[in-house]
Amino acid sequence: MSADAVGRHMPAIATLDDLAAMMAADPHGHRYELSPEGVLSIMPPADGEHALIATRIMAWLLAAGWPVDQIAQVVGLAIPGAEGVSGGRIPDLVVWGQPPANPRQVWLPAANVLLVVEIVSRGSEAADKAAKPREYAGAGIPQYWTVDRDAGQTVTMYRLVGDRYEMRAATPLAWVLNTSVTDHLSLN
């Protein structure tokens, strides 16, 4: 899809329904996200390393007995904003305390989300480390992790304290995957 084609059909104010339609029409599998302030972001599909990191974390959770219907990769989350406006983010991994009530929706509510994981890719650093933490904290998501694409695949873990995240730990992914899920994630 060319920039000209997108621009010609772009609504003045994009909604989550518009984003779902754009993703459905995109033959290249880009991710379309919308901040609660209405800022549109278009990201290329994830590469192989990115997908493997998400799969390793998901397998770790499953091996620890986390229910499969409470974990999802690349699922849309509706992020509440001011004056009833909602943004939409597509985290790399989401863990719920309870399964979503209606998983057939494109944009699932952030209610009951325990953890969001974002794997930092070239070009996503600013969103993953500044904008998204503010939005996820505003949605009340108790834990937020970023995974850097450095040599150790550093996992930086944040816990919600009040209305913002505080860093709890930064450690290599291999170390996290060799520890207990309960050391890092509350089971309720």
N, C-alpha and C. Protein backbone atom coordinates (compact mmCIF):
# COMPACT_ATOMS: atom_id res chain seq x y z
N MET A 1 0.85 -1.15 0.00
CA MET A 1 0.00 0.00 0.00
C MET A 1 0.91 1.23 0.00
N SER A 2 0.71 2.12 -0.95
CA SER A 2 1.56 3.30 -1.05
C SER A 2 1.07 4.39 -0.10
N ALA A 3 1.97 5.32 0.23
CA ALA A 3 1.60 6.46 1.08
C ALA A 3 0.52 7.28 0.41
N ASP A 4 0.57 7.39 -0.91
CA ASP A 4 -0.44 8.14 -1.64
C ASP A 4 -1.82 7.48 -1.47
N ALA A 5 -1.87 6.17 -1.59
CA ALA A 5 -3.15 5.46 -1.45
C ALA A 5 -3.70 5.59 -0.04
N VAL A 6 -2.83 5.49 0.97
CA VAL A 6 -3.28 5.63 2.35
C VAL A 6 -3.77 7.05 2.59
N GLY A 7 -2.97 8.04 2.17
CA GLY A 7 -3.32 9.43 2.39
C GLY A 7 -4.63 9.84 1.74
N ARG A 8 -4.90 9.33 0.58
CA ARG A 8 -6.12 9.66 -0.15
C ARG A 8 -7.37 9.20 0.60
N HIS A 9 -7.27 8.11 1.33
CA HIS A 9 -8.43 7.54 2.01
C HIS A 9 -8.39 7.70 3.52
N MET A 10 -7.44 8.46 4.03
CA MET A 10 -7.27 8.63 5.47
C MET A 10 -8.36 9.55 6.02
N PRO A 11 -9.08 9.09 7.05
CA PRO A 11 -10.08 9.97 7.66
C PRO A 11 -9.40 11.11 8.42
N ALA A 12 -10.12 12.21 8.62
CA ALA A 12 -9.56 13.36 9.34
C ALA A 12 -9.21 12.97 10.77
N ILE A 13 -10.05 12.18 11.41
CA ILE A 13 -9.79 11.67 12.76
C ILE A 13 -9.97 10.16 12.70
N ALA A 14 -8.88 9.43 12.90
CA ALA A 14 -8.92 7.97 12.82
C ALA A 14 -9.51 7.39 14.10
N THR A 15 -10.25 6.31 13.94
CA THR A 15 -10.82 5.58 15.06
C THR A 15 -10.22 4.18 15.09
N LEU A 16 -10.53 3.44 16.13
CA LEU A 16 -10.04 2.05 16.20
C LEU A 16 -10.65 1.21 15.08
N ASP A 17 -11.89 1.50 14.70
CA ASP A 17 -12.49 0.79 13.56
C ASP A 17 -11.73 1.09 12.27
N ASP A 18 -11.30 2.35 12.10
CA ASP A 18 -10.49 2.72 10.93
C ASP A 18 -9.18 1.92 10.92
N LEU A 19 -8.55 1.82 12.08
CA LEU A 19 -7.29 1.07 12.17
C LEU A 19 -7.50 -0.39 11.79
N ALA A 20 -8.57 -0.99 12.29
CA ALA A 20 -8.86 -2.39 11.96
C ALA A 20 -9.05 -2.56 10.45
N ALA A 21 -9.73 -1.61 9.83
CA ALA A 21 -9.94 -1.68 8.38
C ALA A 21 -8.62 -1.51 7.63
N MET A 22 -7.75 -0.60 8.10
CA MET A 22 -6.45 -0.40 7.44
C MET A 22 -5.60 -1.66 7.55
N MET A 23 -5.60 -2.29 8.73
CA MET A 23 -4.81 -3.52 8.89
C MET A 23 -5.34 -4.63 8.00
N ALA A 24 -6.66 -4.73 7.90
CA ALA A 24 -7.26 -5.77 7.07
C ALA A 24 -6.93 -5.55 5.59
N ALA A 25 -6.80 -4.30 5.17
CA ALA A 25 -6.52 -3.99 3.76
C ALA A 25 -5.03 -3.99 3.43
N ASP A 26 -4.18 -4.06 4.42
CA ASP A 26 -2.73 -3.96 4.19
C ASP A 26 -2.16 -5.33 3.82
N PRO A 27 -1.70 -5.50 2.60
CA PRO A 27 -1.19 -6.81 2.18
C PRO A 27 0.17 -7.15 2.79
N HIS A 28 0.82 -6.18 3.44
CA HIS A 28 2.17 -6.40 3.97
C HIS A 28 2.20 -6.67 5.47
N GLY A 29 1.05 -6.65 6.14
CA GLY A 29 1.00 -7.00 7.55
C GLY A 29 1.55 -5.96 8.51
N HIS A 30 1.49 -4.68 8.14
CA HIS A 30 1.94 -3.63 9.06
C HIS A 30 1.02 -3.56 10.27
N ARG A 31 1.56 -3.06 11.38
CA ARG A 31 0.76 -2.81 12.58
C ARG A 31 0.36 -1.34 12.57
N TYR A 32 -0.90 -1.08 12.82
CA TYR A 32 -1.40 0.28 12.89
C TYR A 32 -1.83 0.52 14.33
N GLU A 33 -1.26 1.54 14.95
CA GLU A 33 -1.58 1.87 16.33
C GLU A 33 -1.99 3.33 16.41
N LEU A 34 -2.78 3.63 17.43
CA LEU A 34 -3.28 4.98 17.62
C LEU A 34 -3.12 5.35 19.09
N SER A 35 -2.42 6.45 19.35
CA SER A 35 -2.30 6.90 20.74
C SER A 35 -3.65 7.46 21.18
N PRO A 36 -3.90 7.53 22.49
CA PRO A 36 -5.16 8.12 22.95
C PRO A 36 -5.33 9.57 22.50
N GLU A 37 -4.22 10.23 22.12
CA GLU A 37 -4.29 11.61 21.62
C GLU A 37 -4.57 11.66 20.13
N GLY A 38 -4.64 10.50 19.48
CA GLY A 38 -4.95 10.45 18.06
C GLY A 38 -3.76 10.38 17.12
N VAL A 39 -2.56 10.11 17.65
CA VAL A 39 -1.36 10.01 16.81
C VAL A 39 -1.30 8.60 16.22
N LEU A 40 -1.27 8.53 14.89
CA LEU A 40 -1.21 7.27 14.18
C LEU A 40 0.23 6.82 14.00
N SER A 41 0.51 5.55 14.28
CA SER A 41 1.83 4.95 14.05
C SER A 41 1.64 3.73 13.17
N ILE A 42 2.52 3.58 12.19
CA ILE A 42 2.49 2.41 11.32
C ILE A 42 3.86 1.75 11.42
N MET A 43 3.87 0.50 11.85
CA MET A 43 5.12 -0.23 12.03
C MET A 43 5.18 -1.41 11.06
N PRO A 44 6.39 -1.71 10.59
CA PRO A 44 6.53 -2.88 9.71
C PRO A 44 6.30 -4.16 10.51
N PRO A 45 6.05 -5.26 9.80
CA PRO A 45 5.91 -6.54 10.49
C PRO A 45 7.19 -6.89 11.26
N ALA A 46 7.04 -7.67 12.30
CA ALA A 46 8.19 -8.07 13.12
C ALA A 46 9.10 -9.00 12.33
N ASP A 47 10.41 -8.93 12.66
CA ASP A 47 11.35 -9.84 12.04
C ASP A 47 11.42 -11.14 12.85
N GLY A 48 12.23 -12.07 12.40
CA GLY A 48 12.31 -13.39 13.03
C GLY A 48 12.79 -13.34 14.47
N GLU A 49 13.82 -12.53 14.76
CA GLU A 49 14.33 -12.45 16.14
C GLU A 49 13.24 -11.93 17.08
N HIS A 50 12.54 -10.92 16.62
CA HIS A 50 11.45 -10.32 17.39
C HIS A 50 10.41 -11.39 17.74
N ALA A 51 10.00 -12.16 16.75
CA ALA A 51 9.00 -13.21 16.95
C ALA A 51 9.51 -14.30 17.89
N LEU A 52 10.78 -14.67 17.78
CA LEU A 52 11.34 -15.70 18.65
C LEU A 52 11.39 -15.25 20.11
N ILE A 53 11.71 -13.99 20.35
CA ILE A 53 11.73 -13.48 21.73
C ILE A 53 10.33 -13.59 22.33
N ALA A 54 9.32 -13.15 21.60
CA ALA A 54 7.94 -13.23 22.10
C ALA A 54 7.54 -14.69 22.34
N THR A 55 7.93 -15.57 21.43
CA THR A 55 7.59 -16.99 21.58
C THR A 55 8.29 -17.61 22.79
N ARG A 56 9.55 -17.24 23.04
CA ARG A 56 10.27 -17.77 24.21
C ARG A 56 9.57 -17.36 25.51
N ILE A 57 9.17 -16.10 25.59
CA ILE A 57 8.50 -15.64 26.81
C ILE A 57 7.15 -16.34 26.96
N MET A 58 6.43 -16.49 25.86
CA MET A 58 5.14 -17.17 25.92
C MET A 58 5.31 -18.63 26.34
N ALA A 59 6.31 -19.32 25.80
CA ALA A 59 6.57 -20.72 26.17
C ALA A 59 6.94 -20.83 27.64
N TRP A 60 7.70 -19.89 28.16
CA TRP A 60 8.08 -19.85 29.58
C TRP A 60 6.83 -19.74 30.45
N LEU A 61 5.91 -18.86 30.06
CA LEU A 61 4.66 -18.71 30.82
C LEU A 61 3.82 -19.98 30.76
N LEU A 62 3.72 -20.58 29.58
CA LEU A 62 2.94 -21.81 29.42
C LEU A 62 3.55 -22.96 30.22
N ALA A 63 4.88 -23.08 30.17
CA ALA A 63 5.55 -24.15 30.92
C ALA A 63 5.35 -23.99 32.43
N ALA A 64 5.15 -22.76 32.87
CA ALA A 64 4.92 -22.51 34.30
C ALA A 64 3.46 -22.75 34.68
N GLY A 65 2.64 -23.11 33.70
CA GLY A 65 1.25 -23.42 34.00
C GLY A 65 0.28 -22.27 33.79
N TRP A 66 0.76 -21.17 33.19
CA TRP A 66 -0.15 -20.05 32.93
C TRP A 66 -1.16 -20.52 31.89
N PRO A 67 -2.46 -20.28 32.08
CA PRO A 67 -3.48 -20.76 31.13
C PRO A 67 -3.31 -20.13 29.74
N VAL A 68 -3.39 -20.96 28.72
CA VAL A 68 -3.16 -20.51 27.35
C VAL A 68 -4.14 -19.42 26.92
N ASP A 69 -5.37 -19.43 27.46
CA ASP A 69 -6.35 -18.42 27.05
C ASP A 69 -6.16 -17.09 27.78
N GLN A 70 -5.08 -16.97 28.56
CA GLN A 70 -4.77 -15.73 29.24
C GLN A 70 -3.48 -15.09 28.72
N ILE A 71 -2.94 -15.62 27.62
CA ILE A 71 -1.72 -15.10 27.01
C ILE A 71 -1.99 -14.90 25.53
N ALA A 72 -1.54 -13.77 24.99
CA ALA A 72 -1.72 -13.55 23.55
C ALA A 72 -0.55 -12.74 23.01
N GLN A 73 -0.15 -13.08 21.80
CA GLN A 73 0.84 -12.29 21.08
C GLN A 73 0.11 -11.41 20.07
N VAL A 74 0.58 -10.19 19.93
CA VAL A 74 0.13 -9.27 18.89
C VAL A 74 -1.39 -9.13 18.87
N VAL A 75 -1.95 -8.76 20.01
CA VAL A 75 -3.39 -8.55 20.11
C VAL A 75 -3.65 -7.07 20.36
N GLY A 76 -4.73 -6.56 19.80
CA GLY A 76 -5.06 -5.15 19.97
C GLY A 76 -5.64 -4.87 21.35
N LEU A 77 -5.13 -3.82 21.99
CA LEU A 77 -5.66 -3.37 23.28
C LEU A 77 -6.22 -1.97 23.11
N ALA A 78 -7.45 -1.76 23.54
CA ALA A 78 -8.04 -0.42 23.56
C ALA A 78 -7.49 0.29 24.79
N ILE A 79 -6.89 1.45 24.57
CA ILE A 79 -6.28 2.22 25.65
C ILE A 79 -7.14 3.45 25.89
N PRO A 80 -7.76 3.54 27.08
CA PRO A 80 -8.64 4.69 27.34
C PRO A 80 -7.87 6.00 27.33
N GLY A 81 -8.55 7.03 26.85
CA GLY A 81 -7.95 8.36 26.82
C GLY A 81 -8.91 9.38 27.38
N ALA A 82 -8.54 10.62 27.26
CA ALA A 82 -9.37 11.71 27.77
C ALA A 82 -10.65 11.85 26.93
N GLU A 83 -11.69 12.29 27.57
CA GLU A 83 -12.96 12.60 26.91
C GLU A 83 -13.50 11.42 26.11
N GLY A 84 -13.30 10.20 26.58
CA GLY A 84 -13.87 9.03 25.94
C GLY A 84 -13.15 8.58 24.68
N VAL A 85 -12.09 9.26 24.28
CA VAL A 85 -11.33 8.87 23.09
C VAL A 85 -10.44 7.69 23.47
N SER A 86 -10.43 6.67 22.63
CA SER A 86 -9.59 5.50 22.90
C SER A 86 -8.47 5.40 21.88
N GLY A 87 -7.31 5.01 22.38
CA GLY A 87 -6.21 4.67 21.51
C GLY A 87 -6.19 3.16 21.35
N GLY A 88 -5.35 2.69 20.49
CA GLY A 88 -5.21 1.27 20.28
C GLY A 88 -3.75 0.91 20.12
N ARG A 89 -3.27 0.03 20.95
CA ARG A 89 -1.89 -0.45 20.87
C ARG A 89 -1.91 -1.95 20.61
N ILE A 90 -0.86 -2.44 19.98
CA ILE A 90 -0.73 -3.87 19.69
C ILE A 90 0.57 -4.34 20.33
N PRO A 91 0.52 -4.68 21.63
CA PRO A 91 1.74 -5.15 22.31
C PRO A 91 2.22 -6.47 21.73
N ASP A 92 3.50 -6.76 21.95
CA ASP A 92 4.05 -8.02 21.46
C ASP A 92 3.54 -9.21 22.26
N LEU A 93 3.23 -8.98 23.54
CA LEU A 93 2.71 -10.05 24.38
C LEU A 93 1.85 -9.42 25.47
N VAL A 94 0.71 -10.04 25.73
CA VAL A 94 -0.21 -9.59 26.78
C VAL A 94 -0.55 -10.78 27.66
N VAL A 95 -0.57 -10.55 28.98
CA VAL A 95 -0.95 -11.58 29.94
C VAL A 95 -2.13 -11.03 30.75
N TRP A 96 -3.23 -11.78 30.76
CA TRP A 96 -4.41 -11.39 31.51
C TRP A 96 -4.51 -12.15 32.82
N GLY A 97 -5.13 -11.55 33.81
CA GLY A 97 -5.46 -12.24 35.05
C GLY A 97 -6.66 -13.15 34.85
N GLN A 98 -7.57 -12.74 33.96
CA GLN A 98 -8.72 -13.52 33.56
C GLN A 98 -8.83 -13.40 32.05
N PRO A 99 -9.31 -14.42 31.37
CA PRO A 99 -9.41 -14.33 29.91
C PRO A 99 -10.32 -13.17 29.50
N PRO A 100 -10.07 -12.57 28.34
CA PRO A 100 -10.95 -11.51 27.85
C PRO A 100 -12.37 -12.04 27.67
N ALA A 101 -13.35 -11.21 28.00
CA ALA A 101 -14.76 -11.64 27.91
C ALA A 101 -15.18 -11.94 26.48
N ASN A 102 -14.73 -11.14 25.52
CA ASN A 102 -15.09 -11.35 24.13
C ASN A 102 -13.83 -11.31 23.26
N PRO A 103 -13.10 -12.41 23.17
CA PRO A 103 -11.82 -12.40 22.46
C PRO A 103 -11.95 -12.22 20.95
N ARG A 104 -13.17 -12.21 20.41
CA ARG A 104 -13.33 -12.02 18.97
C ARG A 104 -13.26 -10.56 18.56
N GLN A 105 -13.22 -9.66 19.52
CA GLN A 105 -13.07 -8.24 19.21
C GLN A 105 -11.66 -7.98 18.71
N VAL A 106 -11.51 -7.00 17.81
CA VAL A 106 -10.18 -6.61 17.35
C VAL A 106 -9.45 -5.86 18.45
N TRP A 107 -10.15 -4.98 19.16
CA TRP A 107 -9.55 -4.16 20.22
C TRP A 107 -10.12 -4.59 21.55
N LEU A 108 -9.35 -5.35 22.31
CA LEU A 108 -9.78 -5.85 23.60
C LEU A 108 -9.56 -4.80 24.68
N PRO A 109 -10.42 -4.77 25.69
CA PRO A 109 -10.22 -3.79 26.78
C PRO A 109 -8.98 -4.15 27.59
N ALA A 110 -8.37 -3.11 28.17
CA ALA A 110 -7.16 -3.31 28.98
C ALA A 110 -7.49 -3.83 30.38
N ALA A 111 -8.77 -3.92 30.71
CA ALA A 111 -9.16 -4.44 32.03
C ALA A 111 -8.64 -5.86 32.19
N ASN A 112 -8.20 -6.19 33.37
CA ASN A 112 -7.69 -7.51 33.73
C ASN A 112 -6.33 -7.86 33.12
N VAL A 113 -5.70 -6.92 32.40
CA VAL A 113 -4.35 -7.18 31.88
C VAL A 113 -3.38 -7.05 33.05
N LEU A 114 -2.54 -8.06 33.24
CA LEU A 114 -1.53 -8.05 34.29
C LEU A 114 -0.18 -7.56 33.80
N LEU A 115 0.13 -7.88 32.54
CA LEU A 115 1.46 -7.59 32.01
C LEU A 115 1.36 -7.32 30.52
N VAL A 116 2.11 -6.31 30.08
CA VAL A 116 2.31 -6.04 28.66
C VAL A 116 3.81 -6.09 28.41
N VAL A 117 4.21 -6.79 27.34
CA VAL A 117 5.62 -6.88 26.95
C VAL A 117 5.77 -6.26 25.57
N GLU A 118 6.73 -5.35 25.45
CA GLU A 118 7.07 -4.74 24.17
C GLU A 118 8.53 -5.09 23.86
N ILE A 119 8.77 -5.65 22.69
CA ILE A 119 10.11 -5.96 22.24
C ILE A 119 10.56 -4.77 21.40
N VAL A 120 11.61 -4.12 21.84
CA VAL A 120 12.06 -2.87 21.23
C VAL A 120 12.76 -3.16 19.91
N SER A 121 12.25 -2.55 18.87
CA SER A 121 12.84 -2.69 17.55
C SER A 121 13.38 -1.36 17.08
N ARG A 122 14.23 -1.39 16.09
CA ARG A 122 14.77 -0.16 15.53
C ARG A 122 13.59 0.72 15.11
N GLY A 123 13.54 1.91 15.61
CA GLY A 123 12.47 2.83 15.26
C GLY A 123 11.32 2.86 16.26
N SER A 124 11.26 1.89 17.18
CA SER A 124 10.16 1.88 18.15
C SER A 124 10.60 2.30 19.54
N GLU A 125 11.88 2.66 19.71
CA GLU A 125 12.40 2.97 21.05
C GLU A 125 11.60 4.06 21.75
N ALA A 126 11.34 5.15 21.07
CA ALA A 126 10.64 6.29 21.70
C ALA A 126 9.24 5.88 22.15
N ALA A 127 8.52 5.18 21.31
CA ALA A 127 7.17 4.75 21.69
C ALA A 127 7.22 3.73 22.82
N ASP A 128 8.10 2.73 22.70
CA ASP A 128 8.16 1.66 23.69
C ASP A 128 8.67 2.11 25.05
N LYS A 129 9.51 3.15 25.07
CA LYS A 129 10.12 3.56 26.33
C LYS A 129 9.56 4.86 26.89
N ALA A 130 8.70 5.57 26.15
CA ALA A 130 8.16 6.83 26.66
C ALA A 130 6.63 6.87 26.53
N ALA A 131 6.13 6.80 25.31
CA ALA A 131 4.68 6.95 25.10
C ALA A 131 3.88 5.77 25.66
N LYS A 132 4.27 4.56 25.30
CA LYS A 132 3.48 3.39 25.72
C LYS A 132 3.47 3.19 27.23
N PRO A 133 4.58 3.38 27.94
CA PRO A 133 4.50 3.25 29.40
C PRO A 133 3.48 4.21 30.03
N ARG A 134 3.43 5.44 29.54
CA ARG A 134 2.43 6.39 30.06
C ARG A 134 1.02 5.90 29.80
N GLU A 135 0.79 5.40 28.59
CA GLU A 135 -0.54 4.93 28.22
C GLU A 135 -0.94 3.67 29.01
N TYR A 136 -0.03 2.71 29.10
CA TYR A 136 -0.33 1.48 29.84
C TYR A 136 -0.53 1.77 31.32
N ALA A 137 0.26 2.67 31.88
CA ALA A 137 0.09 3.06 33.28
C ALA A 137 -1.27 3.73 33.46
N GLY A 138 -1.64 4.61 32.53
CA GLY A 138 -2.94 5.27 32.59
C GLY A 138 -4.10 4.29 32.51
N ALA A 139 -3.88 3.16 31.85
CA ALA A 139 -4.90 2.11 31.75
C ALA A 139 -4.91 1.21 32.98
N GLY A 140 -3.94 1.42 33.89
CA GLY A 140 -3.89 0.64 35.13
C GLY A 140 -3.27 -0.73 35.00
N ILE A 141 -2.48 -0.96 33.96
CA ILE A 141 -1.83 -2.27 33.77
C ILE A 141 -0.69 -2.38 34.77
N PRO A 142 -0.73 -3.38 35.69
CA PRO A 142 0.22 -3.43 36.80
C PRO A 142 1.69 -3.61 36.44
N GLN A 143 1.98 -4.30 35.32
CA GLN A 143 3.38 -4.55 34.98
C GLN A 143 3.62 -4.32 33.49
N TYR A 144 4.79 -3.76 33.21
CA TYR A 144 5.20 -3.47 31.83
C TYR A 144 6.66 -3.88 31.68
N TRP A 145 6.95 -4.67 30.67
CA TRP A 145 8.32 -5.09 30.40
C TRP A 145 8.72 -4.65 29.00
N THR A 146 9.97 -4.22 28.86
CA THR A 146 10.55 -4.02 27.53
C THR A 146 11.68 -5.03 27.39
N VAL A 147 11.87 -5.49 26.17
CA VAL A 147 13.00 -6.39 25.86
C VAL A 147 13.82 -5.70 24.78
N ASP A 148 15.04 -5.32 25.14
CA ASP A 148 15.94 -4.68 24.18
C ASP A 148 16.54 -5.73 23.27
N ARG A 149 16.96 -5.29 22.11
CA ARG A 149 17.55 -6.19 21.13
C ARG A 149 19.07 -6.14 21.20
N ASP A 150 19.60 -5.94 22.40
CA ASP A 150 21.05 -5.94 22.62
C ASP A 150 21.54 -7.38 22.73
N ALA A 151 22.83 -7.56 22.98
CA ALA A 151 23.42 -8.91 23.04
C ALA A 151 22.76 -9.79 24.09
N GLY A 152 22.37 -9.22 25.23
CA GLY A 152 21.74 -10.01 26.29
C GLY A 152 20.23 -10.04 26.23
N GLN A 153 19.67 -9.37 25.23
CA GLN A 153 18.21 -9.23 25.15
C GLN A 153 17.68 -8.82 26.54
N THR A 154 18.12 -7.66 26.99
CA THR A 154 17.82 -7.18 28.33
C THR A 154 16.34 -6.94 28.52
N VAL A 155 15.79 -7.58 29.55
CA VAL A 155 14.40 -7.39 29.94
C VAL A 155 14.39 -6.36 31.08
N THR A 156 13.71 -5.25 30.85
CA THR A 156 13.55 -4.24 31.89
C THR A 156 12.12 -4.34 32.38
N MET A 157 11.98 -4.63 33.67
CA MET A 157 10.67 -4.86 34.28
C MET A 157 10.25 -3.64 35.09
N TYR A 158 9.03 -3.21 34.83
CA TYR A 158 8.46 -2.06 35.54
C TYR A 158 7.20 -2.50 36.27
N ARG A 159 6.97 -1.91 37.42
CA ARG A 159 5.76 -2.18 38.20
C ARG A 159 5.05 -0.85 38.42
N LEU A 160 3.72 -0.88 38.29
CA LEU A 160 2.91 0.32 38.48
C LEU A 160 2.88 0.70 39.95
N VAL A 161 3.29 1.93 40.23
CA VAL A 161 3.25 2.48 41.58
C VAL A 161 2.52 3.82 41.44
N GLY A 162 1.32 3.88 41.99
CA GLY A 162 0.49 5.07 41.80
C GLY A 162 0.04 5.14 40.36
N ASP A 163 0.42 6.21 39.68
CA ASP A 163 -0.01 6.39 38.30
C ASP A 163 1.14 6.28 37.29
N ARG A 164 2.29 5.73 37.74
CA ARG A 164 3.42 5.59 36.83
C ARG A 164 4.22 4.33 37.16
N TYR A 165 5.04 3.94 36.19
CA TYR A 165 5.87 2.75 36.38
C TYR A 165 7.20 3.10 37.03
N GLU A 166 7.64 2.20 37.90
CA GLU A 166 8.97 2.28 38.48
C GLU A 166 9.72 1.02 38.06
N MET A 167 10.98 1.21 37.66
CA MET A 167 11.79 0.07 37.25
C MET A 167 12.08 -0.83 38.45
N ARG A 168 11.86 -2.12 38.24
CA ARG A 168 12.10 -3.11 39.28
C ARG A 168 13.39 -3.87 39.04
N ALA A 169 13.66 -4.19 37.77
CA ALA A 169 14.85 -4.98 37.45
C ALA A 169 15.17 -4.84 35.97
N ALA A 170 16.43 -5.04 35.64
CA ALA A 170 16.87 -5.13 34.25
C ALA A 170 17.86 -6.29 34.20
N THR A 171 17.52 -7.31 33.44
CA THR A 171 18.31 -8.53 33.45
C THR A 171 18.22 -9.22 32.09
N PRO A 172 19.20 -10.05 31.72
CA PRO A 172 19.14 -10.74 30.43
C PRO A 172 17.94 -11.70 30.35
N LEU A 173 17.39 -11.80 29.16
CA LEU A 173 16.24 -12.68 28.93
C LEU A 173 16.57 -14.12 29.34
N ALA A 174 17.76 -14.61 29.05
CA ALA A 174 18.13 -15.98 29.39
C ALA A 174 18.00 -16.22 30.89
N TRP A 175 18.37 -15.23 31.70
CA TRP A 175 18.24 -15.37 33.15
C TRP A 175 16.77 -15.43 33.54
N VAL A 176 15.96 -14.54 32.98
CA VAL A 176 14.52 -14.54 33.29
C VAL A 176 13.91 -15.90 32.97
N LEU A 177 14.24 -16.44 31.81
CA LEU A 177 13.65 -17.71 31.37
C LEU A 177 14.12 -18.90 32.20
N ASN A 178 15.16 -18.71 33.01
CA ASN A 178 15.63 -19.78 33.89
C ASN A 178 15.24 -19.55 35.34
N THR A 179 14.28 -18.67 35.57
CA THR A 179 13.75 -18.41 36.90
C THR A 179 12.26 -18.72 36.90
N SER A 180 11.67 -18.66 38.06
CA SER A 180 10.25 -18.95 38.20
C SER A 180 9.40 -17.75 37.76
N VAL A 181 8.31 -18.04 37.09
CA VAL A 181 7.37 -16.98 36.69
C VAL A 181 6.91 -16.23 37.92
N THR A 182 6.69 -16.93 39.02
CA THR A 182 6.19 -16.26 40.23
C THR A 182 7.20 -15.29 40.84
N ASP A 183 8.48 -15.42 40.44
CA ASP A 183 9.48 -14.44 40.88
C ASP A 183 9.25 -13.07 40.24
N HIS A 184 8.52 -13.06 39.12
CA HIS A 184 8.38 -11.85 38.33
C HIS A 184 6.95 -11.37 38.12
N LEU A 185 6.00 -12.27 38.18
CA LEU A 185 4.63 -11.96 37.82
C LEU A 185 3.65 -12.50 38.84
N SER A 186 2.83 -11.63 39.37
CA SER A 186 1.82 -12.05 40.35
C SER A 186 0.80 -12.95 39.67
N LEU A 187 0.41 -14.01 40.33
CA LEU A 187 -0.53 -14.97 39.74
C LEU A 187 -1.99 -14.61 39.99
N ASN A 188 -2.26 -13.43 40.48
CA ASN A 188 -3.67 -13.05 40.67
C ASN A 188 -3.96 -11.71 40.06
